[in-house]
PDB file of all heavy atoms in Angstrom:
ATOM      1  N   SER A   1      83.785 191.261 112.792  1.00  0.00           N
ATOM      2  CA  SER A   1      83.063 189.986 112.629  1.00  0.00           C
ATOM      3  C   SER A   1      81.572 190.142 112.884  1.00  0.00           C
ATOM      4  O   SER A   1      80.844 189.146 112.515  1.00  0.00           O
ATOM      5  CB  SER A   1      83.646 189.031 113.605  1.00  0.00           C
ATOM      6  OG  SER A   1      83.457 189.458 115.040  1.00  0.00           O
ATOM      7  N   GLY A   2      81.137 191.224 113.389  1.00  0.00           N
ATOM      8  CA  GLY A   2      79.682 191.384 113.598  1.00  0.00           C
ATOM      9  C   GLY A   2      79.267 192.667 114.088  1.00  0.00           C
ATOM     10  O   GLY A   2      80.218 193.563 114.295  1.00  0.00           O
ATOM     11  N   VAL A   3      78.056 193.036 114.172  1.00  0.00           N
ATOM     12  CA  VAL A   3      77.509 194.297 114.630  1.00  0.00           C
ATOM     13  C   VAL A   3      76.200 194.057 115.591  1.00  0.00           C
ATOM     14  O   VAL A   3      75.575 193.121 115.349  1.00  0.00           O
ATOM     15  CB  VAL A   3      77.110 195.163 113.421  1.00  0.00           C
ATOM     16  CG1 VAL A   3      75.926 194.475 112.679  1.00  0.00           C
ATOM     17  CG2 VAL A   3      76.689 196.550 113.874  1.00  0.00           C
ATOM     18  N   TRP A   4      76.271 194.977 116.666  1.00  0.00           N
ATOM     19  CA  TRP A   4      75.205 194.727 117.578  1.00  0.00           C
ATOM     20  C   TRP A   4      73.896 195.520 117.128  1.00  0.00           C
ATOM     21  O   TRP A   4      74.031 196.647 116.842  1.00  0.00           O
ATOM     22  CB  TRP A   4      75.682 195.245 119.010  1.00  0.00           C
ATOM     23  CG  TRP A   4      76.573 194.276 119.582  1.00  0.00           C
ATOM     24  CD1 TRP A   4      77.999 194.373 119.620  1.00  0.00           C
ATOM     25  CD2 TRP A   4      76.314 193.156 120.367  1.00  0.00           C
ATOM     26  NE1 TRP A   4      78.515 193.289 120.298  1.00  0.00           N
ATOM     27  CE2 TRP A   4      77.435 192.546 120.759  1.00  0.00           C
ATOM     28  CE3 TRP A   4      75.017 192.582 120.777  1.00  0.00           C
ATOM     29  CZ2 TRP A   4      77.596 191.360 121.609  1.00  0.00           C
ATOM     30  CZ3 TRP A   4      75.158 191.464 121.459  1.00  0.00           C
ATOM     31  CH2 TRP A   4      76.359 190.746 121.961  1.00  0.00           C
ATOM     32  N   THR A   5      72.860 194.713 116.856  1.00  0.00           N
ATOM     33  CA  THR A   5      71.531 195.501 116.531  1.00  0.00           C
ATOM     34  C   THR A   5      71.103 196.024 117.855  1.00  0.00           C
ATOM     35  O   THR A   5      71.319 195.508 119.007  1.00  0.00           O
ATOM     36  CB  THR A   5      70.572 194.469 115.931  1.00  0.00           C
ATOM     37  OG1 THR A   5      70.418 193.405 116.707  1.00  0.00           O
ATOM     38  CG2 THR A   5      71.256 194.080 114.563  1.00  0.00           C
ATOM     39  N   VAL A   6      70.209 196.984 117.769  1.00  0.00           N
ATOM     40  CA  VAL A   6      69.708 197.750 119.030  1.00  0.00           C
ATOM     41  C   VAL A   6      68.439 197.950 118.994  1.00  0.00           C
ATOM     42  O   VAL A   6      67.622 197.875 117.956  1.00  0.00           O
ATOM     43  CB  VAL A   6      70.492 199.130 119.026  1.00  0.00           C
ATOM     44  CG1 VAL A   6      72.071 198.931 119.122  1.00  0.00           C
ATOM     45  CG2 VAL A   6      70.227 199.967 117.858  1.00  0.00           C
ATOM     46  N   ASP A   7      67.745 198.305 120.210  1.00  0.00           N
ATOM     47  CA  ASP A   7      66.341 198.674 120.367  1.00  0.00           C
ATOM     48  C   ASP A   7      66.250 200.174 120.162  1.00  0.00           C
ATOM     49  O   ASP A   7      67.151 200.785 119.694  1.00  0.00           O
ATOM     50  CB  ASP A   7      65.828 198.130 121.647  1.00  0.00           C
ATOM     51  CG  ASP A   7      66.491 198.895 122.891  1.00  0.00           C
ATOM     52  OD1 ASP A   7      67.143 199.958 122.680  1.00  0.00           O
ATOM     53  OD2 ASP A   7      66.292 198.396 124.089  1.00  0.00           O
ATOM     54  N   GLU A   8      64.909 200.634 120.433  1.00  0.00           N
ATOM     55  CA  GLU A   8      64.701 202.061 120.080  1.00  0.00           C
ATOM     56  C   GLU A   8      65.417 203.019 121.000  1.00  0.00           C
ATOM     57  O   GLU A   8      65.526 204.205 120.726  1.00  0.00           O
ATOM     58  CB  GLU A   8      63.184 202.268 120.231  1.00  0.00           C
ATOM     59  CG  GLU A   8      62.681 202.165 121.576  1.00  0.00           C
ATOM     60  CD  GLU A   8      62.278 200.734 121.876  1.00  0.00           C
ATOM     61  OE1 GLU A   8      62.528 199.769 121.081  1.00  0.00           O
ATOM     62  OE2 GLU A   8      61.801 200.372 122.967  1.00  0.00           O
ATOM     63  N   THR A   9      66.055 202.540 122.050  1.00  0.00           N
ATOM     64  CA  THR A   9      66.901 203.361 122.919  1.00  0.00           C
ATOM     65  C   THR A   9      68.403 203.026 122.778  1.00  0.00           C
ATOM     66  O   THR A   9      69.233 203.583 123.628  1.00  0.00           O
ATOM     67  CB  THR A   9      66.462 203.145 124.326  1.00  0.00           C
ATOM     68  OG1 THR A   9      66.851 201.980 124.949  1.00  0.00           O
ATOM     69  CG2 THR A   9      65.023 203.335 124.562  1.00  0.00           C
ATOM     70  N   LEU A  10      68.759 202.429 121.670  1.00  0.00           N
ATOM     71  CA  LEU A  10      70.115 202.132 121.327  1.00  0.00           C
ATOM     72  C   LEU A  10      70.876 201.111 122.263  1.00  0.00           C
ATOM     73  O   LEU A  10      72.038 201.191 122.446  1.00  0.00           O
ATOM     74  CB  LEU A  10      70.841 203.400 121.219  1.00  0.00           C
ATOM     75  CG  LEU A  10      70.410 204.428 120.071  1.00  0.00           C
ATOM     76  CD1 LEU A  10      71.109 205.684 120.109  1.00  0.00           C
ATOM     77  CD2 LEU A  10      70.539 203.777 118.766  1.00  0.00           C
ATOM     78  N   ILE A  11      70.110 200.274 122.937  1.00  0.00           N
ATOM     79  CA  ILE A  11      70.652 199.217 123.752  1.00  0.00           C
ATOM     80  C   ILE A  11      70.707 197.996 122.928  1.00  0.00           C
ATOM     81  O   ILE A  11      69.743 197.615 122.201  1.00  0.00           O
ATOM     82  CB  ILE A  11      69.775 198.945 125.031  1.00  0.00           C
ATOM     83  CG1 ILE A  11      69.807 200.176 125.875  1.00  0.00           C
ATOM     84  CG2 ILE A  11      70.292 197.830 125.849  1.00  0.00           C
ATOM     85  CD1 ILE A  11      71.141 200.684 126.396  1.00  0.00           C
ATOM     86  N   PRO A  12      71.873 197.278 122.868  1.00  0.00           N
ATOM     87  CA  PRO A  12      71.977 196.092 122.007  1.00  0.00           C
ATOM     88  C   PRO A  12      70.995 194.973 122.308  1.00  0.00           C
ATOM     89  O   PRO A  12      70.752 194.752 123.558  1.00  0.00           O
ATOM     90  CB  PRO A  12      73.476 195.668 122.280  1.00  0.00           C
ATOM     91  CG  PRO A  12      74.125 196.908 122.579  1.00  0.00           C
ATOM     92  CD  PRO A  12      73.151 197.688 123.469  1.00  0.00           C
ATOM     93  N   VAL A  13      70.483 194.332 121.288  1.00  0.00           N
ATOM     94  CA  VAL A  13      69.542 193.255 121.471  1.00  0.00           C
ATOM     95  C   VAL A  13      70.079 191.894 120.923  1.00  0.00           C
ATOM     96  O   VAL A  13      69.598 190.874 121.252  1.00  0.00           O
ATOM     97  CB  VAL A  13      68.188 193.499 120.930  1.00  0.00           C
ATOM     98  CG1 VAL A  13      67.531 194.780 121.648  1.00  0.00           C
ATOM     99  CG2 VAL A  13      68.253 193.870 119.402  1.00  0.00           C
ATOM    100  N   GLY A  14      71.150 191.965 120.019  1.00  0.00           N
ATOM    101  CA  GLY A  14      71.677 190.786 119.455  1.00  0.00           C
ATOM    102  C   GLY A  14      72.906 191.042 118.474  1.00  0.00           C
ATOM    103  O   GLY A  14      72.965 192.210 118.041  1.00  0.00           O
ATOM    104  N   LEU A  15      73.670 190.098 118.351  1.00  0.00           N
ATOM    105  CA  LEU A  15      74.815 190.275 117.492  1.00  0.00           C
ATOM    106  C   LEU A  15      74.562 189.619 116.125  1.00  0.00           C
ATOM    107  O   LEU A  15      74.046 188.462 115.933  1.00  0.00           O
ATOM    108  CB  LEU A  15      76.114 189.486 118.065  1.00  0.00           C
ATOM    109  CG  LEU A  15      77.322 189.637 117.370  1.00  0.00           C
ATOM    110  CD1 LEU A  15      77.760 191.107 117.417  1.00  0.00           C
ATOM    111  CD2 LEU A  15      78.428 188.772 118.088  1.00  0.00           C
ATOM    112  N   ALA A  16      74.681 190.487 114.982  1.00  0.00           N
ATOM    113  CA  ALA A  16      74.397 190.081 113.738  1.00  0.00           C
ATOM    114  C   ALA A  16      75.644 190.057 112.801  1.00  0.00           C
ATOM    115  O   ALA A  16      76.646 190.493 113.193  1.00  0.00           O
ATOM    116  CB  ALA A  16      73.294 190.993 113.160  1.00  0.00           C
ATOM    117  N   GLU A  17      75.439 189.679 111.545  1.00  0.00           N
ATOM    118  CA  GLU A  17      76.533 189.789 110.478  1.00  0.00           C
ATOM    119  C   GLU A  17      76.975 191.236 110.419  1.00  0.00           C
ATOM    120  O   GLU A  17      76.027 192.195 110.505  1.00  0.00           O
ATOM    121  CB  GLU A  17      76.012 189.103 109.234  1.00  0.00           C
ATOM    122  CG  GLU A  17      75.869 187.716 109.356  1.00  0.00           C
ATOM    123  CD  GLU A  17      77.151 186.901 109.623  1.00  0.00           C
ATOM    124  OE1 GLU A  17      78.130 187.205 108.957  1.00  0.00           O
ATOM    125  OE2 GLU A  17      77.039 186.039 110.474  1.00  0.00           O
ATOM    126  N   PRO A  18      78.205 191.447 109.983  1.00  0.00           N
ATOM    127  CA  PRO A  18      78.679 192.854 110.050  1.00  0.00           C
ATOM    128  C   PRO A  18      77.986 193.679 109.015  1.00  0.00           C
ATOM    129  O   PRO A  18      78.031 194.967 109.095  1.00  0.00           O
ATOM    130  CB  PRO A  18      80.191 192.704 109.694  1.00  0.00           C
ATOM    131  CG  PRO A  18      80.296 191.358 109.160  1.00  0.00           C
ATOM    132  CD  PRO A  18      79.247 190.581 109.700  1.00  0.00           C
ATOM    133  N   ASP A  19      77.290 193.109 107.979  1.00  0.00           N
ATOM    134  CA  ASP A  19      76.547 193.976 106.992  1.00  0.00           C
ATOM    135  C   ASP A  19      75.175 194.214 107.410  1.00  0.00           C
ATOM    136  O   ASP A  19      74.330 194.842 106.568  1.00  0.00           O
ATOM    137  CB  ASP A  19      76.750 193.471 105.570  1.00  0.00           C
ATOM    138  CG  ASP A  19      76.116 192.037 105.631  1.00  0.00           C
ATOM    139  OD1 ASP A  19      75.760 191.444 106.510  1.00  0.00           O
ATOM    140  OD2 ASP A  19      76.159 191.481 104.381  1.00  0.00           O
ATOM    141  N   ALA A  20      74.692 193.834 108.566  1.00  0.00           N
ATOM    142  CA  ALA A  20      73.295 193.838 108.994  1.00  0.00           C
ATOM    143  C   ALA A  20      72.791 195.331 109.025  1.00  0.00           C
ATOM    144  O   ALA A  20      71.631 195.584 108.707  1.00  0.00           O
ATOM    145  CB  ALA A  20      73.011 193.075 110.264  1.00  0.00           C
ATOM    146  N   VAL A  21      73.745 196.166 109.484  1.00  0.00           N
ATOM    147  CA  VAL A  21      73.335 197.641 109.586  1.00  0.00           C
ATOM    148  C   VAL A  21      73.932 198.364 108.398  1.00  0.00           C
ATOM    149  O   VAL A  21      73.127 199.046 107.604  1.00  0.00           O
ATOM    150  CB  VAL A  21      73.894 198.259 110.815  1.00  0.00           C
ATOM    151  CG1 VAL A  21      73.613 199.839 110.921  1.00  0.00           C
ATOM    152  CG2 VAL A  21      73.229 197.574 112.054  1.00  0.00           C
ATOM    153  N   PHE A  22      75.147 198.272 108.090  1.00  0.00           N
ATOM    154  CA  PHE A  22      75.771 198.844 106.961  1.00  0.00           C
ATOM    155  C   PHE A  22      77.171 198.228 106.840  1.00  0.00           C
ATOM    156  O   PHE A  22      77.768 198.088 107.873  1.00  0.00           O
ATOM    157  CB  PHE A  22      76.058 200.414 107.137  1.00  0.00           C
ATOM    158  CG  PHE A  22      76.215 201.094 105.766  1.00  0.00           C
ATOM    159  CD1 PHE A  22      75.561 201.104 104.859  1.00  0.00           C
ATOM    160  CD2 PHE A  22      77.549 201.764 105.706  1.00  0.00           C
ATOM    161  CE1 PHE A  22      75.750 201.778 103.535  1.00  0.00           C
ATOM    162  CE2 PHE A  22      77.824 202.347 104.532  1.00  0.00           C
ATOM    163  CZ  PHE A  22      76.969 202.423 103.400  1.00  0.00           C
ATOM    164  N   ASP A  23      77.484 197.901 105.505  1.00  0.00           N
ATOM    165  CA  ASP A  23      78.769 197.109 105.382  1.00  0.00           C
ATOM    166  C   ASP A  23      79.879 198.138 104.986  1.00  0.00           C
ATOM    167  O   ASP A  23      79.873 198.744 103.938  1.00  0.00           O
ATOM    168  CB  ASP A  23      78.593 196.159 104.236  1.00  0.00           C
ATOM    169  CG  ASP A  23      79.773 195.264 104.084  1.00  0.00           C
ATOM    170  OD1 ASP A  23      80.762 195.314 104.824  1.00  0.00           O
ATOM    171  OD2 ASP A  23      79.525 194.193 103.287  1.00  0.00           O
ATOM    172  N   TRP A  24      80.939 198.192 105.960  1.00  0.00           N
ATOM    173  CA  TRP A  24      82.037 199.247 105.811  1.00  0.00           C
ATOM    174  C   TRP A  24      83.324 198.517 105.069  1.00  0.00           C
ATOM    175  O   TRP A  24      84.241 199.241 104.917  1.00  0.00           O
ATOM    176  CB  TRP A  24      82.310 199.757 107.146  1.00  0.00           C
ATOM    177  CG  TRP A  24      81.285 200.419 107.832  1.00  0.00           C
ATOM    178  CD1 TRP A  24      80.342 199.844 108.758  1.00  0.00           C
ATOM    179  CD2 TRP A  24      80.794 201.849 107.640  1.00  0.00           C
ATOM    180  NE1 TRP A  24      79.542 200.886 109.114  1.00  0.00           N
ATOM    181  CE2 TRP A  24      79.727 202.032 108.467  1.00  0.00           C
ATOM    182  CE3 TRP A  24      81.202 202.879 106.817  1.00  0.00           C
ATOM    183  CZ2 TRP A  24      79.002 203.210 108.582  1.00  0.00           C
ATOM    184  CZ3 TRP A  24      80.533 204.111 106.818  1.00  0.00           C
ATOM    185  CH2 TRP A  24      79.514 204.228 107.719  1.00  0.00           C
ATOM    186  N   ARG A  25      83.229 197.188 104.895  1.00  0.00           N
ATOM    187  CA  ARG A  25      84.493 196.567 104.489  1.00  0.00           C
ATOM    188  C   ARG A  25      85.113 197.065 103.232  1.00  0.00           C
ATOM    189  O   ARG A  25      86.421 197.110 103.118  1.00  0.00           O
ATOM    190  CB  ARG A  25      84.251 195.111 104.353  1.00  0.00           C
ATOM    191  CG  ARG A  25      83.906 194.378 105.672  1.00  0.00           C
ATOM    192  CD  ARG A  25      83.456 192.957 105.488  1.00  0.00           C
ATOM    193  NE  ARG A  25      82.050 192.798 104.995  1.00  0.00           N
ATOM    194  CZ  ARG A  25      81.338 191.695 105.012  1.00  0.00           C
ATOM    195  NH1 ARG A  25      81.858 190.543 105.302  1.00  0.00           N
ATOM    196  NH2 ARG A  25      80.138 191.763 104.412  1.00  0.00           N
ATOM    197  N   ASP A  26      84.354 197.440 102.177  1.00  0.00           N
ATOM    198  CA  ASP A  26      84.952 197.924 101.001  1.00  0.00           C
ATOM    199  C   ASP A  26      84.941 199.451 100.897  1.00  0.00           C
ATOM    200  O   ASP A  26      85.257 200.011  99.771  1.00  0.00           O
ATOM    201  CB  ASP A  26      83.998 197.391  99.823  1.00  0.00           C
ATOM    202  CG  ASP A  26      84.075 195.919  99.721  1.00  0.00           C
ATOM    203  OD1 ASP A  26      85.242 195.303 100.065  1.00  0.00           O
ATOM    204  OD2 ASP A  26      83.135 195.282  99.312  1.00  0.00           O
ATOM    205  N   GLY A  27      84.956 200.219 102.000  1.00  0.00           N
ATOM    206  CA  GLY A  27      85.084 201.579 101.957  1.00  0.00           C
ATOM    207  C   GLY A  27      84.101 202.517 101.309  1.00  0.00           C
ATOM    208  O   GLY A  27      84.329 203.276 100.313  1.00  0.00           O
ATOM    209  N   PRO A  28      82.732 202.240 101.693  1.00  0.00           N
ATOM    210  CA  PRO A  28      81.657 203.045 101.048  1.00  0.00           C
ATOM    211  C   PRO A  28      81.761 204.474 101.490  1.00  0.00           C
ATOM    212  O   PRO A  28      82.340 204.826 102.461  1.00  0.00           O
ATOM    213  CB  PRO A  28      80.404 202.291 101.491  1.00  0.00           C
ATOM    214  CG  PRO A  28      80.871 201.881 102.895  1.00  0.00           C
ATOM    215  CD  PRO A  28      82.293 201.507 102.720  1.00  0.00           C
TER     216      PRO A  28
END
């Protein structure tokens, strides 16, 4: 349902739509 976007040290900063980083739903 979502993906956690991160800062430069990989600590989450916010919850975004699941395709905000890369969309895995269709098996890329």
